[in-house]
Amino acid sequence: MATYALDAAGIQWTEVFVGGGIGTIGAAVSAGLAVAALGRRVAPAVTVDVGPRVGLPGLPSREVMLYSNLTDRTACKALRTLGAAIRSTAGGPT
């Protein structure tokens, strides 16, 4: 998604780091090695959104769908709680 937005804006980019997961990428961003397209929920606390300051294009929002066939009452409650947490941070309907 981020690379498409950069291409559409005519901004040249070079991939310089590929991490094995969000923790690795977050550590690289926290160390000041690069920028990354991270959701606010998963971005390390010490990072700042520099996109507007350096002229990066905004990213479109995405829908998150959660499907489950669980019938266990405790598991269903946990999934409802997870869904509410995602909606509360994304500004979606509650």
PDB file of N, CA and C in Angstrom:
ATOM      1  N   MET A   1       0.813  -1.175   0.000  1.00  0.00           N
ATOM      2  CA  MET A   1       0.000   0.000   0.000  1.00  0.00           C
ATOM      3  C   MET A   1       0.872   1.260   0.000  1.00  0.00           C
ATOM      4  N   ALA A   2       1.889   1.281   0.839  1.00  0.00           N
ATOM      5  CA  ALA A   2       2.752   2.460   0.928  1.00  0.00           C
ATOM      6  C   ALA A   2       3.535   2.665  -0.366  1.00  0.00           C
ATOM      7  N   THR A   3       4.037   1.587  -0.943  1.00  0.00           N
ATOM      8  CA  THR A   3       4.824   1.737  -2.173  1.00  0.00           C
ATOM      9  C   THR A   3       3.946   2.221  -3.324  1.00  0.00           C
ATOM     10  N   TYR A   4       2.716   1.777  -3.376  1.00  0.00           N
ATOM     11  CA  TYR A   4       1.792   2.260  -4.414  1.00  0.00           C
ATOM     12  C   TYR A   4       1.517   3.750  -4.243  1.00  0.00           C
ATOM     13  N   ALA A   5       1.355   4.200  -2.986  1.00  0.00           N
ATOM     14  CA  ALA A   5       1.108   5.616  -2.726  1.00  0.00           C
ATOM     15  C   ALA A   5       2.314   6.455  -3.131  1.00  0.00           C
ATOM     16  N   LEU A   6       3.513   5.972  -2.854  1.00  0.00           N
ATOM     17  CA  LEU A   6       4.716   6.699  -3.264  1.00  0.00           C
ATOM     18  C   LEU A   6       4.825   6.765  -4.781  1.00  0.00           C
ATOM     19  N   ASP A   7       4.586   5.637  -5.443  1.00  0.00           N
ATOM     20  CA  ASP A   7       4.640   5.608  -6.905  1.00  0.00           C
ATOM     21  C   ASP A   7       3.616   6.560  -7.512  1.00  0.00           C
ATOM     22  N   ALA A   8       2.391   6.536  -6.983  1.00  0.00           N
ATOM     23  CA  ALA A   8       1.329   7.400  -7.513  1.00  0.00           C
ATOM     24  C   ALA A   8       1.652   8.871  -7.323  1.00  0.00           C
ATOM     25  N   ALA A   9       2.389   9.199  -6.266  1.00  0.00           N
ATOM     26  CA  ALA A   9       2.776  10.586  -6.005  1.00  0.00           C
ATOM     27  C   ALA A   9       4.044  10.979  -6.749  1.00  0.00           C
ATOM     28  N   GLY A  10       4.638  10.033  -7.477  1.00  0.00           N
ATOM     29  CA  GLY A  10       5.866  10.332  -8.220  1.00  0.00           C
ATOM     30  C   GLY A  10       7.087  10.479  -7.333  1.00  0.00           C
ATOM     31  N   ILE A  11       7.059   9.857  -6.174  1.00  0.00           N
ATOM     32  CA  ILE A  11       8.179   9.942  -5.237  1.00  0.00           C
ATOM     33  C   ILE A  11       9.037   8.694  -5.392  1.00  0.00           C
ATOM     34  N   GLN A  12      10.303   8.891  -5.723  1.00  0.00           N
ATOM     35  CA  GLN A  12      11.210   7.761  -5.853  1.00  0.00           C
ATOM     36  C   GLN A  12      11.559   7.235  -4.470  1.00  0.00           C
ATOM     37  N   TRP A  13      11.693   5.924  -4.373  1.00  0.00           N
ATOM     38  CA  TRP A  13      12.014   5.312  -3.094  1.00  0.00           C
ATOM     39  C   TRP A  13      12.905   4.113  -3.329  1.00  0.00           C
ATOM     40  N   THR A  14      13.619   3.744  -2.294  1.00  0.00           N
ATOM     41  CA  THR A  14      14.496   2.584  -2.349  1.00  0.00           C
ATOM     42  C   THR A  14      14.291   1.775  -1.081  1.00  0.00           C
ATOM     43  N   GLU A  15      14.039   0.496  -1.245  1.00  0.00           N
ATOM     44  CA  GLU A  15      13.915  -0.384  -0.091  1.00  0.00           C
ATOM     45  C   GLU A  15      15.315  -0.674   0.436  1.00  0.00           C
ATOM     46  N   VAL A  16      15.540  -0.325   1.699  1.00  0.00           N
ATOM     47  CA  VAL A  16      16.873  -0.509   2.267  1.00  0.00           C
ATOM     48  C   VAL A  16      16.890  -1.450   3.461  1.00  0.00           C
ATOM     49  N   PHE A  17      15.726  -1.845   3.919  1.00  0.00           N
ATOM     50  CA  PHE A  17      15.666  -2.725   5.080  1.00  0.00           C
ATOM     51  C   PHE A  17      14.415  -3.576   4.985  1.00  0.00           C
ATOM     52  N   VAL A  18      14.562  -4.872   5.194  1.00  0.00           N
ATOM     53  CA  VAL A  18      13.425  -5.779   5.249  1.00  0.00           C
ATOM     54  C   VAL A  18      13.514  -6.507   6.577  1.00  0.00           C
ATOM     55  N   GLY A  19      12.517  -6.305   7.411  1.00  0.00           N
ATOM     56  CA  GLY A  19      12.540  -6.912   8.738  1.00  0.00           C
ATOM     57  C   GLY A  19      11.729  -8.185   8.799  1.00  0.00           C
ATOM     58  N   GLY A  20      11.946  -8.934   9.846  1.00  0.00           N
ATOM     59  CA  GLY A  20      11.248 -10.187  10.038  1.00  0.00           C
ATOM     60  C   GLY A  20       9.930 -10.041  10.770  1.00  0.00           C
ATOM     61  N   GLY A  21       9.516  -8.846  11.069  1.00  0.00           N
ATOM     62  CA  GLY A  21       8.263  -8.626  11.784  1.00  0.00           C
ATOM     63  C   GLY A  21       8.184  -7.192  12.265  1.00  0.00           C
ATOM     64  N   ILE A  22       7.053  -6.860  12.857  1.00  0.00           N
ATOM     65  CA  ILE A  22       6.830  -5.486  13.292  1.00  0.00           C
ATOM     66  C   ILE A  22       7.824  -5.049  14.365  1.00  0.00           C
ATOM     67  N   GLY A  23       8.253  -5.971  15.214  1.00  0.00           N
ATOM     68  CA  GLY A  23       9.232  -5.625  16.241  1.00  0.00           C
ATOM     69  C   GLY A  23      10.562  -5.204  15.643  1.00  0.00           C
ATOM     70  N   THR A  24      11.000  -5.928  14.636  1.00  0.00           N
ATOM     71  CA  THR A  24      12.271  -5.622  13.985  1.00  0.00           C
ATOM     72  C   THR A  24      12.189  -4.290  13.236  1.00  0.00           C
ATOM     73  N   ILE A  25      11.110  -4.097  12.517  1.00  0.00           N
ATOM     74  CA  ILE A  25      10.928  -2.841  11.772  1.00  0.00           C
ATOM     75  C   ILE A  25      10.801  -1.677  12.745  1.00  0.00           C
ATOM     76  N   GLY A  26      10.042  -1.867  13.813  1.00  0.00           N
ATOM     77  CA  GLY A  26       9.908  -0.813  14.818  1.00  0.00           C
ATOM     78  C   GLY A  26      11.237  -0.439  15.444  1.00  0.00           C
ATOM     79  N   ALA A  27      12.090  -1.421  15.679  1.00  0.00           N
ATOM     80  CA  ALA A  27      13.414  -1.139  16.253  1.00  0.00           C
ATOM     81  C   ALA A  27      14.257  -0.324  15.275  1.00  0.00           C
ATOM     82  N   ALA A  28      14.184  -0.654  13.990  1.00  0.00           N
ATOM     83  CA  ALA A  28      14.953   0.091  12.991  1.00  0.00           C
ATOM     84  C   ALA A  28      14.460   1.534  12.883  1.00  0.00           C
ATOM     85  N   VAL A  29      13.152   1.718  12.921  1.00  0.00           N
ATOM     86  CA  VAL A  29      12.594   3.069  12.865  1.00  0.00           C
ATOM     87  C   VAL A  29      12.970   3.842  14.128  1.00  0.00           C
ATOM     88  N   SER A  30      12.863   3.190  15.280  1.00  0.00           N
ATOM     89  CA  SER A  30      13.226   3.853  16.542  1.00  0.00           C
ATOM     90  C   SER A  30      14.678   4.287  16.564  1.00  0.00           C
ATOM     91  N   ALA A  31      15.536   3.519  15.895  1.00  0.00           N
ATOM     92  CA  ALA A  31      16.963   3.856  15.846  1.00  0.00           C
ATOM     93  C   ALA A  31      17.260   4.959  14.837  1.00  0.00           C
ATOM     94  N   GLY A  32      16.242   5.388  14.081  1.00  0.00           N
ATOM     95  CA  GLY A  32      16.442   6.463  13.116  1.00  0.00           C
ATOM     96  C   GLY A  32      17.067   6.011  11.820  1.00  0.00           C
ATOM     97  N   LEU A  33      16.983   4.725  11.513  1.00  0.00           N
ATOM     98  CA  LEU A  33      17.599   4.203  10.297  1.00  0.00           C
ATOM     99  C   LEU A  33      16.760   4.442   9.047  1.00  0.00           C
ATOM    100  N   ALA A  34      15.456   4.611   9.208  1.00  0.00           N
ATOM    101  CA  ALA A  34      14.584   4.759   8.041  1.00  0.00           C
ATOM    102  C   ALA A  34      13.200   5.192   8.488  1.00  0.00           C
ATOM    103  N   VAL A  35      12.313   5.319   7.523  1.00  0.00           N
ATOM    104  CA  VAL A  35      10.898   5.561   7.793  1.00  0.00           C
ATOM    105  C   VAL A  35      10.129   4.307   7.398  1.00  0.00           C
ATOM    106  N   ALA A  36       8.963   4.135   7.962  1.00  0.00           N
ATOM    107  CA  ALA A  36       8.131   2.977   7.656  1.00  0.00           C
ATOM    108  C   ALA A  36       6.671   3.366   7.768  1.00  0.00           C
ATOM    109  N   ALA A  37       5.851   2.726   6.986  1.00  0.00           N
ATOM    110  CA  ALA A  37       4.402   2.930   7.078  1.00  0.00           C
ATOM    111  C   ALA A  37       3.876   2.003   8.166  1.00  0.00           C
ATOM    112  N   LEU A  38       3.627   2.566   9.339  1.00  0.00           N
ATOM    113  CA  LEU A  38       3.145   1.789  10.475  1.00  0.00           C
ATOM    114  C   LEU A  38       1.852   2.391  10.989  1.00  0.00           C
ATOM    115  N   GLY A  39       0.940   1.547  11.400  1.00  0.00           N
ATOM    116  CA  GLY A  39      -0.259   2.036  12.056  1.00  0.00           C
ATOM    117  C   GLY A  39       0.102   2.645  13.398  1.00  0.00           C
ATOM    118  N   ARG A  40      -0.663   3.639  13.800  1.00  0.00           N
ATOM    119  CA  ARG A  40      -0.376   4.288  15.088  1.00  0.00           C
ATOM    120  C   ARG A  40      -0.382   3.291  16.238  1.00  0.00           C
ATOM    121  N   ARG A  41      -1.213   2.288  16.138  1.00  0.00           N
ATOM    122  CA  ARG A  41      -1.338   1.297  17.210  1.00  0.00           C
ATOM    123  C   ARG A  41      -0.073   0.460  17.378  1.00  0.00           C
ATOM    124  N   VAL A  42       0.675   0.243  16.304  1.00  0.00           N
ATOM    125  CA  VAL A  42       1.861  -0.612  16.391  1.00  0.00           C
ATOM    126  C   VAL A  42       3.168   0.166  16.314  1.00  0.00           C
ATOM    127  N   ALA A  43       3.103   1.457  16.047  1.00  0.00           N
ATOM    128  CA  ALA A  43       4.335   2.254  15.980  1.00  0.00           C
ATOM    129  C   ALA A  43       4.933   2.390  17.381  1.00  0.00           C
ATOM    130  N   PRO A  44       6.233   2.238  17.504  1.00  0.00           N
ATOM    131  CA  PRO A  44       6.876   2.404  18.822  1.00  0.00           C
ATOM    132  C   PRO A  44       6.601   3.793  19.399  1.00  0.00           C
ATOM    133  N   ALA A  45       6.477   3.862  20.701  1.00  0.00           N
ATOM    134  CA  ALA A  45       6.120   5.113  21.371  1.00  0.00           C
ATOM    135  C   ALA A  45       7.106   6.244  21.099  1.00  0.00           C
ATOM    136  N   VAL A  46       8.356   5.939  20.847  1.00  0.00           N
ATOM    137  CA  VAL A  46       9.365   6.982  20.647  1.00  0.00           C
ATOM    138  C   VAL A  46       9.369   7.547  19.228  1.00  0.00           C
ATOM    139  N   THR A  47       8.534   7.015  18.336  1.00  0.00           N
ATOM    140  CA  THR A  47       8.524   7.478  16.946  1.00  0.00           C
ATOM    141  C   THR A  47       7.527   8.607  16.762  1.00  0.00           C
ATOM    142  N   VAL A  48       7.722   9.368  15.692  1.00  0.00           N
ATOM    143  CA  VAL A  48       6.806  10.461  15.355  1.00  0.00           C
ATOM    144  C   VAL A  48       6.391  10.331  13.898  1.00  0.00           C
ATOM    145  N   ASP A  49       5.219  10.835  13.583  1.00  0.00           N
ATOM    146  CA  ASP A  49       4.717  10.828  12.213  1.00  0.00           C
ATOM    147  C   ASP A  49       5.364  11.986  11.457  1.00  0.00           C
ATOM    148  N   VAL A  50       6.310  11.676  10.571  1.00  0.00           N
ATOM    149  CA  VAL A  50       7.002  12.710   9.808  1.00  0.00           C
ATOM    150  C   VAL A  50       6.428  12.867   8.403  1.00  0.00           C
ATOM    151  N   GLY A  51       5.438  12.056   8.057  1.00  0.00           N
ATOM    152  CA  GLY A  51       4.879  12.084   6.710  1.00  0.00           C
ATOM    153  C   GLY A  51       4.525  13.467   6.201  1.00  0.00           C
ATOM    154  N   PRO A  52       3.666  14.204   6.898  1.00  0.00           N
ATOM    155  CA  PRO A  52       3.295  15.540   6.419  1.00  0.00           C
ATOM    156  C   PRO A  52       4.489  16.506   6.350  1.00  0.00           C
ATOM    157  N   ARG A  53       5.393  16.374   7.307  1.00  0.00           N
ATOM    158  CA  ARG A  53       6.549  17.279   7.364  1.00  0.00           C
ATOM    159  C   ARG A  53       7.491  17.099   6.183  1.00  0.00           C
ATOM    160  N   VAL A  54       7.640  15.870   5.695  1.00  0.00           N
ATOM    161  CA  VAL A  54       8.566  15.615   4.596  1.00  0.00           C
ATOM    162  C   VAL A  54       7.854  15.374   3.267  1.00  0.00           C
ATOM    163  N   GLY A  55       6.557  15.642   3.236  1.00  0.00           N
ATOM    164  CA  GLY A  55       5.824  15.578   1.974  1.00  0.00           C
ATOM    165  C   GLY A  55       5.430  14.192   1.500  1.00  0.00           C
ATOM    166  N   LEU A  56       5.294  13.244   2.422  1.00  0.00           N
ATOM    167  CA  LEU A  56       4.865  11.906   2.029  1.00  0.00           C
ATOM    168  C   LEU A  56       3.350  11.883   1.854  1.00  0.00           C
ATOM    169  N   PRO A  57       2.861  11.097   0.914  1.00  0.00           N
ATOM    170  CA  PRO A  57       1.410  11.040   0.705  1.00  0.00           C
ATOM    171  C   PRO A  57       0.723  10.297   1.851  1.00  0.00           C
ATOM    172  N   GLY A  58      -0.526  10.654   2.091  1.00  0.00           N
ATOM    173  CA  GLY A  58      -1.310   9.936   3.086  1.00  0.00           C
ATOM    174  C   GLY A  58      -1.655   8.551   2.572  1.00  0.00           C
ATOM    175  N   LEU A  59      -1.943   7.657   3.471  1.00  0.00           N
ATOM    176  CA  LEU A  59      -2.316   6.292   3.095  1.00  0.00           C
ATOM    177  C   LEU A  59      -3.814   6.101   3.298  1.00  0.00           C
ATOM    178  N   PRO A  60      -4.436   5.345   2.410  1.00  0.00           N
ATOM    179  CA  PRO A  60      -5.880   5.113   2.569  1.00  0.00           C
ATOM    180  C   PRO A  60      -6.148   4.200   3.761  1.00  0.00           C
ATOM    181  N   SER A  61      -7.338   4.337   4.303  1.00  0.00           N
ATOM    182  CA  SER A  61      -7.715   3.425   5.384  1.00  0.00           C
ATOM    183  C   SER A  61      -8.086   2.079   4.773  1.00  0.00           C
ATOM    184  N   ARG A  62      -8.055   1.073   5.585  1.00  0.00           N
ATOM    185  CA  ARG A  62      -8.372  -0.286   5.142  1.00  0.00           C
ATOM    186  C   ARG A  62      -9.394  -0.883   6.092  1.00  0.00           C
ATOM    187  N   GLU A  63     -10.237  -1.724   5.545  1.00  0.00           N
ATOM    188  CA  GLU A  63     -11.183  -2.444   6.383  1.00  0.00           C
ATOM    189  C   GLU A  63     -10.512  -3.686   6.946  1.00  0.00           C
ATOM    190  N   VAL A  64     -10.875  -4.018   8.155  1.00  0.00           N
ATOM    191  CA  VAL A  64     -10.392  -5.234   8.787  1.00  0.00           C
ATOM    192  C   VAL A  64     -11.604  -6.126   9.020  1.00  0.00           C
ATOM    193  N   MET A  65     -11.518  -7.326   8.524  1.00  0.00           N
ATOM    194  CA  MET A  65     -12.613  -8.280   8.698  1.00  0.00           C
ATOM    195  C   MET A  65     -12.122  -9.416   9.584  1.00  0.00           C
ATOM    196  N   LEU A  66     -12.917  -9.783  10.534  1.00  0.00           N
ATOM    197  CA  LEU A  66     -12.576 -10.868  11.442  1.00  0.00           C
ATOM    198  C   LEU A  66     -13.677 -11.911  11.356  1.00  0.00           C
ATOM    199  N   TYR A  67     -13.337 -13.068  10.852  1.00  0.00           N
ATOM    200  CA  TYR A  67     -14.280 -14.178  10.739  1.00  0.00           C
ATOM    201  C   TYR A  67     -13.892 -15.254  11.728  1.00  0.00           C
ATOM    202  N   SER A  68     -14.908 -15.860  12.322  1.00  0.00           N
ATOM    203  CA  SER A  68     -14.638 -16.933  13.271  1.00  0.00           C
ATOM    204  C   SER A  68     -15.836 -17.868  13.333  1.00  0.00           C
ATOM    205  N   ASN A  69     -15.548 -19.130  13.567  1.00  0.00           N
ATOM    206  CA  ASN A  69     -16.631 -20.088  13.785  1.00  0.00           C
ATOM    207  C   ASN A  69     -16.589 -20.614  15.221  1.00  0.00           C
ATOM    208  N   LEU A  70     -15.971 -19.843  16.097  1.00  0.00           N
ATOM    209  CA  LEU A  70     -15.892 -20.244  17.493  1.00  0.00           C
ATOM    210  C   LEU A  70     -17.272 -20.212  18.139  1.00  0.00           C
ATOM    211  N   THR A  71     -17.530 -21.151  19.000  1.00  0.00           N
ATOM    212  CA  THR A  71     -18.795 -21.178  19.724  1.00  0.00           C
ATOM    213  C   THR A  71     -18.580 -21.091  21.234  1.00  0.00           C
ATOM    214  N   ASP A  72     -17.350 -21.242  21.658  1.00  0.00           N
ATOM    215  CA  ASP A  72     -17.032 -21.138  23.079  1.00  0.00           C
ATOM    216  C   ASP A  72     -17.330 -19.716  23.559  1.00  0.00           C
ATOM    217  N   ARG A  73     -18.092 -19.587  24.621  1.00  0.00           N
ATOM    218  CA  ARG A  73     -18.524 -18.272  25.126  1.00  0.00           C
ATOM    219  C   ARG A  73     -17.337 -17.377  25.482  1.00  0.00           C
ATOM    220  N   THR A  74     -16.317 -17.919  26.113  1.00  0.00           N
ATOM    221  CA  THR A  74     -15.146 -17.122  26.500  1.00  0.00           C
ATOM    222  C   THR A  74     -14.388 -16.633  25.264  1.00  0.00           C
ATOM    223  N   ALA A  75     -14.203 -17.501  24.274  1.00  0.00           N
ATOM    224  CA  ALA A  75     -13.504 -17.110  23.049  1.00  0.00           C
ATOM    225  C   ALA A  75     -14.295 -16.047  22.295  1.00  0.00           C
ATOM    226  N   CYS A  76     -15.615 -16.198  22.231  1.00  0.00           N
ATOM    227  CA  CYS A  76     -16.446 -15.203  21.543  1.00  0.00           C
ATOM    228  C   CYS A  76     -16.350 -13.844  22.230  1.00  0.00           C
ATOM    229  N   LYS A  77     -16.344 -13.842  23.557  1.00  0.00           N
ATOM    230  CA  LYS A  77     -16.210 -12.579  24.293  1.00  0.00           C
ATOM    231  C   LYS A  77     -14.857 -11.934  24.005  1.00  0.00           C
ATOM    232  N   ALA A  78     -13.805 -12.743  23.946  1.00  0.00           N
ATOM    233  CA  ALA A  78     -12.472 -12.215  23.640  1.00  0.00           C
ATOM    234  C   ALA A  78     -12.442 -11.602  22.240  1.00  0.00           C
ATOM    235  N   LEU A  79     -13.093 -12.248  21.274  1.00  0.00           N
ATOM    236  CA  LEU A  79     -13.132 -11.702  19.917  1.00  0.00           C
ATOM    237  C   LEU A  79     -13.932 -10.405  19.863  1.00  0.00           C
ATOM    238  N   ARG A  80     -15.026 -10.318  20.605  1.00  0.00           N
ATOM    239  CA  ARG A  80     -15.793  -9.062  20.648  1.00  0.00           C
ATOM    240  C   ARG A  80     -14.960  -7.937  21.261  1.00  0.00           C
ATOM    241  N   THR A  81     -14.194  -8.266  22.288  1.00  0.00           N
ATOM    242  CA  THR A  81     -13.322  -7.275  22.919  1.00  0.00           C
ATOM    243  C   THR A  81     -12.248  -6.808  21.944  1.00  0.00           C
ATOM    244  N   LEU A  82     -11.655  -7.742  21.209  1.00  0.00           N
ATOM    245  CA  LEU A  82     -10.654  -7.390  20.205  1.00  0.00           C
ATOM    246  C   LEU A  82     -11.257  -6.490  19.138  1.00  0.00           C
ATOM    247  N   GLY A  83     -12.430  -6.827  18.643  1.00  0.00           N
ATOM    248  CA  GLY A  83     -13.098  -6.009  17.641  1.00  0.00           C
ATOM    249  C   GLY A  83     -13.377  -4.608  18.131  1.00  0.00           C
ATOM    250  N   ALA A  84     -13.835  -4.476  19.384  1.00  0.00           N
ATOM    251  CA  ALA A  84     -14.107  -3.154  19.967  1.00  0.00           C
ATOM    252  C   ALA A  84     -12.822  -2.336  20.076  1.00  0.00           C
ATOM    253  N   ALA A  85     -11.718  -2.991  20.442  1.00  0.00           N
ATOM    254  CA  ALA A  85     -10.438  -2.268  20.560  1.00  0.00           C
ATOM    255  C   ALA A  85      -9.979  -1.761  19.206  1.00  0.00           C
ATOM    256  N   ILE A  86     -10.129  -2.580  18.169  1.00  0.00           N
ATOM    257  CA  ILE A  86      -9.735  -2.144  16.827  1.00  0.00           C
ATOM    258  C   ILE A  86     -10.600  -0.991  16.367  1.00  0.00           C
ATOM    259  N   ARG A  87     -11.914  -1.089  16.567  1.00  0.00           N
ATOM    260  CA  ARG A  87     -12.817  -0.008  16.153  1.00  0.00           C
ATOM    261  C   ARG A  87     -12.515   1.280  16.896  1.00  0.00           C
ATOM    262  N   SER A  88     -12.182   1.193  18.184  1.00  0.00           N
ATOM    263  CA  SER A  88     -11.951   2.413  18.980  1.00  0.00           C
ATOM    264  C   SER A  88     -10.705   3.160  18.511  1.00  0.00           C
ATOM    265  N   THR A  89      -9.695   2.460  18.028  1.00  0.00           N
ATOM    266  CA  THR A  89      -8.488   3.143  17.569  1.00  0.00           C
ATOM    267  C   THR A  89      -8.582   3.580  16.130  1.00  0.00           C
ATOM    268  N   ALA A  90      -9.495   2.971  15.371  1.00  0.00           N
ATOM    269  CA  ALA A  90      -9.626   3.308  13.955  1.00  0.00           C
ATOM    270  C   ALA A  90     -10.710   4.345  13.712  1.00  0.00           C
ATOM    271  N   GLY A  91     -11.477   4.680  14.726  1.00  0.00           N
ATOM    272  CA  GLY A  91     -12.525   5.666  14.550  1.00  0.00           C
ATOM    273  C   GLY A  91     -13.755   5.131  13.843  1.00  0.00           C
ATOM    274  N   GLY A  92     -13.903   3.808  13.792  1.00  0.00           N
ATOM    275  CA  GLY A  92     -15.054   3.201  13.131  1.00  0.00           C
ATOM    276  C   GLY A  92     -16.257   3.135  14.039  1.00  0.00           C
ATOM    277  N   PRO A  93     -17.374   2.603  13.537  1.00  0.00           N
ATOM    278  CA  PRO A  93     -18.573   2.496  14.361  1.00  0.00           C
ATOM    279  C   PRO A  93     -18.362   1.514  15.509  1.00  0.00           C
ATOM    280  N   THR A  94     -18.953   1.795  16.628  1.00  0.00           N
ATOM    281  CA  THR A  94     -18.793   0.933  17.805  1.00  0.00           C
ATOM    282  C   THR A  94     -19.945  -0.007  17.973  1.00  0.00           C
TER     283      THR A  94
END
